[in-house]
């Protein structure tokens, strides 16, 4: 359904270091930067991009927006969360753990990146 996700940041180096850490925790490869300073990460067919806003205005995060990252296990969610906090992200909401919803059991963790974007690491527990 989606071709890519792109977020803006004013401090590209700080944000790039943060995303390098959380993508490494997911088994991803380092990002590739283009001459305009945009960085792209490709992993399991998905593309995530980081850029300064092209309109020259300050970057801002979307109120109510969350970007979810698929993880292969609850342990990977934990590693993703720990890597994000160690790389300058902020832990938000409840601690990493199981949440029950009508679609089944999820293992979730939430972070804000250095630019304030809300992120979620998610592992969908197999139905029993």
N, C-alpha and C. Protein backbone atom coordinates (compact mmCIF):
# COMPACT_ATOMS: atom_id res chain seq x y z
N UNK A 1 0.81 -1.19 0.00
CA UNK A 1 0.00 0.00 0.00
C UNK A 1 0.86 1.26 0.00
N UNK A 2 1.93 1.28 0.78
CA UNK A 2 2.77 2.47 0.87
C UNK A 2 4.06 2.24 0.11
N UNK A 3 4.60 3.30 -0.50
CA UNK A 3 5.89 3.17 -1.17
C UNK A 3 7.04 3.51 -0.23
N UNK A 4 6.81 4.48 0.68
CA UNK A 4 7.86 4.88 1.61
C UNK A 4 7.27 5.76 2.71
N UNK A 5 8.09 5.98 3.72
CA UNK A 5 7.78 6.94 4.78
C UNK A 5 8.96 7.89 4.83
N UNK A 6 8.67 9.19 4.93
CA UNK A 6 9.73 10.20 5.06
C UNK A 6 9.40 11.09 6.24
N UNK A 7 10.41 11.35 7.07
CA UNK A 7 10.25 12.29 8.18
C UNK A 7 11.26 13.41 8.01
N UNK A 8 10.92 14.57 8.54
CA UNK A 8 11.81 15.71 8.51
C UNK A 8 12.53 15.88 9.83
N UNK A 9 13.70 16.48 9.75
CA UNK A 9 14.48 16.81 10.94
C UNK A 9 15.33 18.02 10.63
N UNK A 10 15.57 18.84 11.63
CA UNK A 10 16.45 19.99 11.47
C UNK A 10 17.91 19.59 11.69
N UNK A 11 18.15 18.70 12.65
CA UNK A 11 19.50 18.21 12.95
C UNK A 11 19.63 16.83 12.32
N UNK A 12 20.05 16.79 11.07
CA UNK A 12 20.12 15.52 10.34
C UNK A 12 21.12 14.54 10.94
N UNK A 13 22.25 15.02 11.44
CA UNK A 13 23.26 14.11 11.98
C UNK A 13 22.75 13.38 13.22
N UNK A 14 22.10 14.13 14.14
CA UNK A 14 21.54 13.51 15.34
C UNK A 14 20.45 12.52 14.98
N UNK A 15 19.56 12.91 14.07
CA UNK A 15 18.47 12.01 13.67
C UNK A 15 19.00 10.80 12.91
N UNK A 16 20.00 11.01 12.06
CA UNK A 16 20.57 9.88 11.32
C UNK A 16 21.19 8.87 12.28
N UNK A 17 21.92 9.33 13.28
CA UNK A 17 22.52 8.43 14.27
C UNK A 17 21.44 7.65 15.01
N UNK A 18 20.34 8.30 15.36
CA UNK A 18 19.23 7.63 16.02
C UNK A 18 18.66 6.53 15.13
N UNK A 19 18.36 6.86 13.88
CA UNK A 19 17.76 5.86 12.98
C UNK A 19 18.74 4.74 12.64
N UNK A 20 20.02 5.04 12.51
CA UNK A 20 21.00 3.98 12.29
C UNK A 20 20.94 2.96 13.44
N UNK A 21 20.82 3.46 14.68
CA UNK A 21 20.78 2.57 15.85
C UNK A 21 19.53 1.72 15.87
N UNK A 22 18.36 2.31 15.63
CA UNK A 22 17.14 1.49 15.73
C UNK A 22 17.02 0.54 14.55
N UNK A 23 17.49 0.92 13.36
CA UNK A 23 17.43 -0.01 12.23
C UNK A 23 18.44 -1.13 12.39
N UNK A 24 19.60 -0.86 12.98
CA UNK A 24 20.56 -1.93 13.26
C UNK A 24 19.95 -2.95 14.21
N UNK A 25 19.17 -2.47 15.20
CA UNK A 25 18.52 -3.39 16.14
C UNK A 25 17.50 -4.28 15.45
N UNK A 26 16.98 -3.84 14.29
CA UNK A 26 16.02 -4.64 13.51
C UNK A 26 16.71 -5.52 12.48
N UNK A 27 18.04 -5.46 12.42
CA UNK A 27 18.78 -6.25 11.44
C UNK A 27 18.97 -5.53 10.12
N UNK A 28 18.71 -4.23 10.09
CA UNK A 28 18.84 -3.45 8.87
C UNK A 28 20.27 -3.02 8.60
N UNK A 29 20.48 -2.60 7.37
CA UNK A 29 21.79 -2.11 6.94
C UNK A 29 21.85 -0.59 7.11
N UNK A 30 23.07 -0.02 7.11
CA UNK A 30 23.20 1.44 7.23
C UNK A 30 22.47 2.16 6.10
N UNK A 31 22.05 3.38 6.39
CA UNK A 31 21.38 4.19 5.40
C UNK A 31 22.35 4.72 4.36
N UNK A 32 21.77 5.16 3.25
CA UNK A 32 22.56 5.75 2.16
C UNK A 32 22.09 7.19 1.99
N UNK A 33 23.05 8.12 1.99
CA UNK A 33 22.72 9.54 1.86
C UNK A 33 23.00 10.02 0.44
N UNK A 34 22.13 10.91 -0.04
CA UNK A 34 22.32 11.48 -1.38
C UNK A 34 22.98 12.86 -1.26
N UNK A 35 23.34 13.49 -2.38
CA UNK A 35 24.00 14.80 -2.32
C UNK A 35 23.17 15.90 -1.65
N UNK A 36 21.85 15.75 -1.59
CA UNK A 36 21.01 16.75 -0.93
C UNK A 36 20.90 16.53 0.57
N UNK A 37 21.56 15.49 1.10
CA UNK A 37 21.54 15.22 2.54
C UNK A 37 20.43 14.30 3.00
N UNK A 38 19.59 13.83 2.07
CA UNK A 38 18.53 12.88 2.45
C UNK A 38 19.16 11.51 2.65
N UNK A 39 18.69 10.80 3.67
CA UNK A 39 19.17 9.45 3.93
C UNK A 39 18.01 8.48 3.78
N UNK A 40 18.29 7.35 3.14
CA UNK A 40 17.28 6.30 2.93
C UNK A 40 17.78 4.99 3.50
N UNK A 41 16.88 4.27 4.15
CA UNK A 41 17.14 2.92 4.63
C UNK A 41 16.16 1.99 3.94
N UNK A 42 16.66 0.88 3.41
CA UNK A 42 15.82 -0.14 2.78
C UNK A 42 15.92 -1.40 3.63
N UNK A 43 14.77 -1.98 3.96
CA UNK A 43 14.76 -3.19 4.78
C UNK A 43 13.48 -3.96 4.52
N UNK A 44 13.61 -5.19 4.12
CA UNK A 44 12.47 -6.09 3.88
C UNK A 44 11.43 -5.46 2.97
N UNK A 45 11.89 -4.79 1.92
CA UNK A 45 10.99 -4.20 0.95
C UNK A 45 10.42 -2.84 1.31
N UNK A 46 10.75 -2.33 2.47
CA UNK A 46 10.24 -1.03 2.91
C UNK A 46 11.35 0.02 2.79
N UNK A 47 10.94 1.27 2.57
CA UNK A 47 11.89 2.38 2.48
C UNK A 47 11.50 3.43 3.52
N UNK A 48 12.48 3.86 4.29
CA UNK A 48 12.31 4.92 5.28
C UNK A 48 13.30 6.00 4.93
N UNK A 49 12.84 7.26 4.91
CA UNK A 49 13.71 8.36 4.49
C UNK A 49 13.70 9.49 5.52
N UNK A 50 14.83 10.18 5.60
CA UNK A 50 15.03 11.31 6.51
C UNK A 50 15.53 12.50 5.69
N UNK A 51 14.96 13.67 5.91
CA UNK A 51 15.35 14.85 5.14
C UNK A 51 15.10 16.13 5.93
N UNK A 52 15.77 17.19 5.54
CA UNK A 52 15.36 18.53 5.99
C UNK A 52 14.15 18.90 5.14
N UNK A 53 13.17 19.60 5.68
CA UNK A 53 12.02 20.00 4.87
C UNK A 53 12.46 20.81 3.64
N UNK A 54 11.90 20.45 2.48
CA UNK A 54 12.32 21.11 1.25
C UNK A 54 11.80 22.54 1.13
N UNK A 55 10.82 22.90 1.96
CA UNK A 55 10.29 24.27 1.89
C UNK A 55 11.12 25.26 2.71
N UNK A 56 12.17 24.76 3.39
CA UNK A 56 13.03 25.63 4.18
C UNK A 56 12.51 25.97 5.56
N UNK A 57 11.29 25.54 5.87
CA UNK A 57 10.70 25.79 7.19
C UNK A 57 11.24 24.76 8.20
N UNK A 58 11.12 25.03 9.49
CA UNK A 58 11.56 24.05 10.49
C UNK A 58 10.76 22.75 10.39
N UNK A 59 11.42 21.65 10.70
CA UNK A 59 10.74 20.35 10.74
C UNK A 59 9.78 20.34 11.92
N UNK A 60 8.70 19.59 11.78
CA UNK A 60 7.77 19.40 12.89
C UNK A 60 7.19 18.00 12.77
N UNK A 61 6.77 17.46 13.91
CA UNK A 61 6.18 16.12 13.90
C UNK A 61 4.65 16.25 13.80
N UNK A 62 4.01 15.22 13.30
CA UNK A 62 2.56 15.23 13.15
C UNK A 62 1.87 14.84 14.45
N UNK A 63 0.97 15.67 14.94
CA UNK A 63 0.20 15.35 16.14
C UNK A 63 -0.79 14.24 15.81
N UNK A 64 -0.69 13.12 16.49
CA UNK A 64 -1.56 11.97 16.23
C UNK A 64 -0.93 10.96 15.29
N UNK A 65 0.22 11.28 14.71
CA UNK A 65 0.89 10.38 13.79
C UNK A 65 1.79 9.41 14.55
N UNK A 66 1.80 8.16 14.13
CA UNK A 66 2.73 7.17 14.65
C UNK A 66 3.24 6.36 13.48
N UNK A 67 4.53 6.10 13.45
CA UNK A 67 5.13 5.22 12.45
C UNK A 67 5.50 3.94 13.16
N UNK A 68 4.96 2.81 12.68
CA UNK A 68 5.20 1.52 13.30
C UNK A 68 6.26 0.72 12.56
N UNK A 69 7.14 0.08 13.31
CA UNK A 69 8.19 -0.76 12.75
C UNK A 69 7.95 -2.21 13.16
N UNK A 70 7.82 -3.07 12.16
CA UNK A 70 7.57 -4.50 12.38
C UNK A 70 8.82 -5.16 12.93
N UNK A 71 8.67 -5.88 14.02
CA UNK A 71 9.77 -6.61 14.63
C UNK A 71 9.47 -8.11 14.57
N UNK A 72 10.53 -8.93 14.60
CA UNK A 72 10.37 -10.37 14.46
C UNK A 72 10.11 -11.10 15.78
N UNK A 73 10.25 -10.40 16.91
CA UNK A 73 10.04 -11.02 18.22
C UNK A 73 9.89 -9.93 19.27
N UNK A 74 9.42 -10.34 20.44
CA UNK A 74 9.34 -9.39 21.56
C UNK A 74 10.74 -8.93 21.95
N UNK A 75 11.72 -9.83 21.86
CA UNK A 75 13.09 -9.46 22.18
C UNK A 75 13.62 -8.39 21.22
N UNK A 76 13.22 -8.48 19.95
CA UNK A 76 13.64 -7.48 18.98
C UNK A 76 13.01 -6.13 19.30
N UNK A 77 11.76 -6.14 19.75
CA UNK A 77 11.12 -4.88 20.16
C UNK A 77 11.92 -4.24 21.28
N UNK A 78 12.30 -5.06 22.26
CA UNK A 78 13.10 -4.54 23.38
C UNK A 78 14.43 -3.97 22.90
N UNK A 79 15.12 -4.70 22.02
CA UNK A 79 16.41 -4.23 21.50
C UNK A 79 16.24 -2.93 20.73
N UNK A 80 15.17 -2.84 19.93
CA UNK A 80 14.86 -1.62 19.16
C UNK A 80 14.65 -0.44 20.11
N UNK A 81 13.87 -0.65 21.16
CA UNK A 81 13.57 0.39 22.14
C UNK A 81 14.85 0.84 22.86
N UNK A 82 15.63 -0.12 23.33
CA UNK A 82 16.86 0.21 24.05
C UNK A 82 17.84 0.96 23.15
N UNK A 83 17.96 0.52 21.88
CA UNK A 83 18.86 1.20 20.94
C UNK A 83 18.40 2.63 20.70
N UNK A 84 17.09 2.83 20.60
CA UNK A 84 16.55 4.17 20.38
C UNK A 84 16.82 5.10 21.55
N UNK A 85 16.61 4.62 22.76
CA UNK A 85 16.86 5.45 23.95
C UNK A 85 18.35 5.77 24.06
N UNK A 86 19.20 4.77 23.81
CA UNK A 86 20.65 4.99 23.89
C UNK A 86 21.14 5.97 22.83
N UNK A 87 20.40 6.07 21.71
CA UNK A 87 20.81 6.95 20.60
C UNK A 87 20.11 8.31 20.64
N UNK A 88 19.50 8.65 21.77
CA UNK A 88 18.93 9.99 21.91
C UNK A 88 17.42 10.07 21.79
N UNK A 89 16.75 8.93 21.64
CA UNK A 89 15.30 8.93 21.61
C UNK A 89 14.74 9.01 23.02
N UNK A 90 13.44 9.24 23.12
CA UNK A 90 12.78 9.34 24.41
C UNK A 90 11.72 8.26 24.53
N UNK A 91 11.79 7.47 25.60
CA UNK A 91 10.76 6.46 25.87
C UNK A 91 9.47 7.18 26.25
N UNK A 92 8.36 6.75 25.65
CA UNK A 92 7.07 7.37 25.95
C UNK A 92 6.03 6.29 26.18
N UNK A 93 4.90 6.70 26.72
CA UNK A 93 3.76 5.84 27.03
C UNK A 93 4.18 4.76 28.02
N UNK A 94 3.48 3.63 28.01
CA UNK A 94 3.80 2.54 28.94
C UNK A 94 5.13 1.90 28.57
N UNK A 95 5.77 1.22 29.53
CA UNK A 95 7.01 0.50 29.19
C UNK A 95 6.72 -0.57 28.13
N UNK A 96 7.76 -1.02 27.42
CA UNK A 96 7.54 -2.08 26.43
C UNK A 96 6.83 -3.27 27.07
N UNK A 97 5.87 -3.82 26.35
CA UNK A 97 5.15 -4.96 26.89
C UNK A 97 3.95 -5.36 26.03
N UNK A 98 3.22 -6.32 26.55
CA UNK A 98 2.07 -6.89 25.84
C UNK A 98 0.86 -5.99 26.00
N UNK A 99 0.16 -5.77 24.90
CA UNK A 99 -1.13 -5.05 24.88
C UNK A 99 -2.13 -5.95 24.19
N UNK A 100 -3.29 -6.05 24.73
CA UNK A 100 -4.36 -6.86 24.14
C UNK A 100 -5.31 -5.94 23.40
N UNK A 101 -5.71 -6.33 22.18
CA UNK A 101 -6.69 -5.56 21.44
C UNK A 101 -7.58 -6.53 20.66
N UNK A 102 -8.61 -6.04 20.00
CA UNK A 102 -9.52 -6.94 19.29
C UNK A 102 -8.84 -7.77 18.19
N UNK A 103 -7.66 -7.35 17.74
CA UNK A 103 -6.96 -8.07 16.68
C UNK A 103 -5.96 -9.08 17.22
N UNK A 104 -5.88 -9.22 18.53
CA UNK A 104 -4.96 -10.17 19.13
C UNK A 104 -4.01 -9.50 20.09
N UNK A 105 -2.98 -10.23 20.44
CA UNK A 105 -2.00 -9.76 21.41
C UNK A 105 -0.81 -9.15 20.67
N UNK A 106 -0.42 -7.96 21.10
CA UNK A 106 0.71 -7.25 20.50
C UNK A 106 1.76 -6.99 21.56
N UNK A 107 3.01 -7.04 21.17
CA UNK A 107 4.10 -6.61 22.05
C UNK A 107 4.58 -5.29 21.47
N UNK A 108 4.45 -4.19 22.24
CA UNK A 108 4.70 -2.85 21.73
C UNK A 108 5.70 -2.08 22.59
N UNK A 109 6.40 -1.15 21.95
CA UNK A 109 7.23 -0.17 22.65
C UNK A 109 7.14 1.13 21.85
N UNK A 110 7.14 2.25 22.55
CA UNK A 110 7.01 3.56 21.90
C UNK A 110 8.19 4.46 22.22
N UNK A 111 8.60 5.24 21.21
CA UNK A 111 9.68 6.22 21.33
C UNK A 111 9.30 7.50 20.62
N UNK A 112 9.96 8.58 20.98
CA UNK A 112 10.00 9.79 20.16
C UNK A 112 11.43 9.90 19.66
N UNK A 113 11.58 10.16 18.37
CA UNK A 113 12.92 10.36 17.83
C UNK A 113 13.43 11.74 18.24
N UNK A 114 14.69 12.08 17.94
CA UNK A 114 15.22 13.38 18.37
C UNK A 114 14.44 14.59 17.83
N UNK A 115 13.71 14.41 16.71
CA UNK A 115 12.91 15.51 16.15
C UNK A 115 11.48 15.52 16.68
N UNK A 116 11.12 14.55 17.53
CA UNK A 116 9.78 14.51 18.13
C UNK A 116 8.80 13.58 17.45
N UNK A 117 9.18 12.89 16.38
CA UNK A 117 8.27 11.96 15.71
C UNK A 117 8.00 10.75 16.59
N UNK A 118 6.75 10.31 16.61
CA UNK A 118 6.34 9.17 17.44
C UNK A 118 6.52 7.88 16.65
N UNK A 119 7.22 6.93 17.27
CA UNK A 119 7.53 5.64 16.65
C UNK A 119 7.06 4.51 17.54
N UNK A 120 6.74 3.38 16.92
CA UNK A 120 6.31 2.20 17.64
C UNK A 120 7.05 0.98 17.10
N UNK A 121 7.61 0.18 17.99
CA UNK A 121 8.14 -1.13 17.63
C UNK A 121 7.05 -2.13 17.96
N UNK A 122 6.72 -3.02 17.01
CA UNK A 122 5.57 -3.91 17.15
C UNK A 122 5.90 -5.33 16.77
N UNK A 123 5.52 -6.26 17.63
CA UNK A 123 5.56 -7.69 17.32
C UNK A 123 4.17 -8.24 17.59
N UNK A 124 3.58 -8.83 16.56
CA UNK A 124 2.25 -9.42 16.69
C UNK A 124 2.41 -10.86 17.17
N UNK A 125 1.95 -11.11 18.40
CA UNK A 125 2.02 -12.45 18.98
C UNK A 125 1.15 -13.41 18.15
N UNK A 126 1.65 -14.62 17.89
CA UNK A 126 0.82 -15.58 17.15
C UNK A 126 -0.45 -15.91 17.92
N UNK A 127 -1.54 -16.04 17.20
CA UNK A 127 -2.81 -16.42 17.84
C UNK A 127 -2.71 -17.85 18.34
N UNK A 128 -3.32 -18.07 19.50
CA UNK A 128 -3.29 -19.42 20.09
C UNK A 128 -4.59 -20.13 19.84
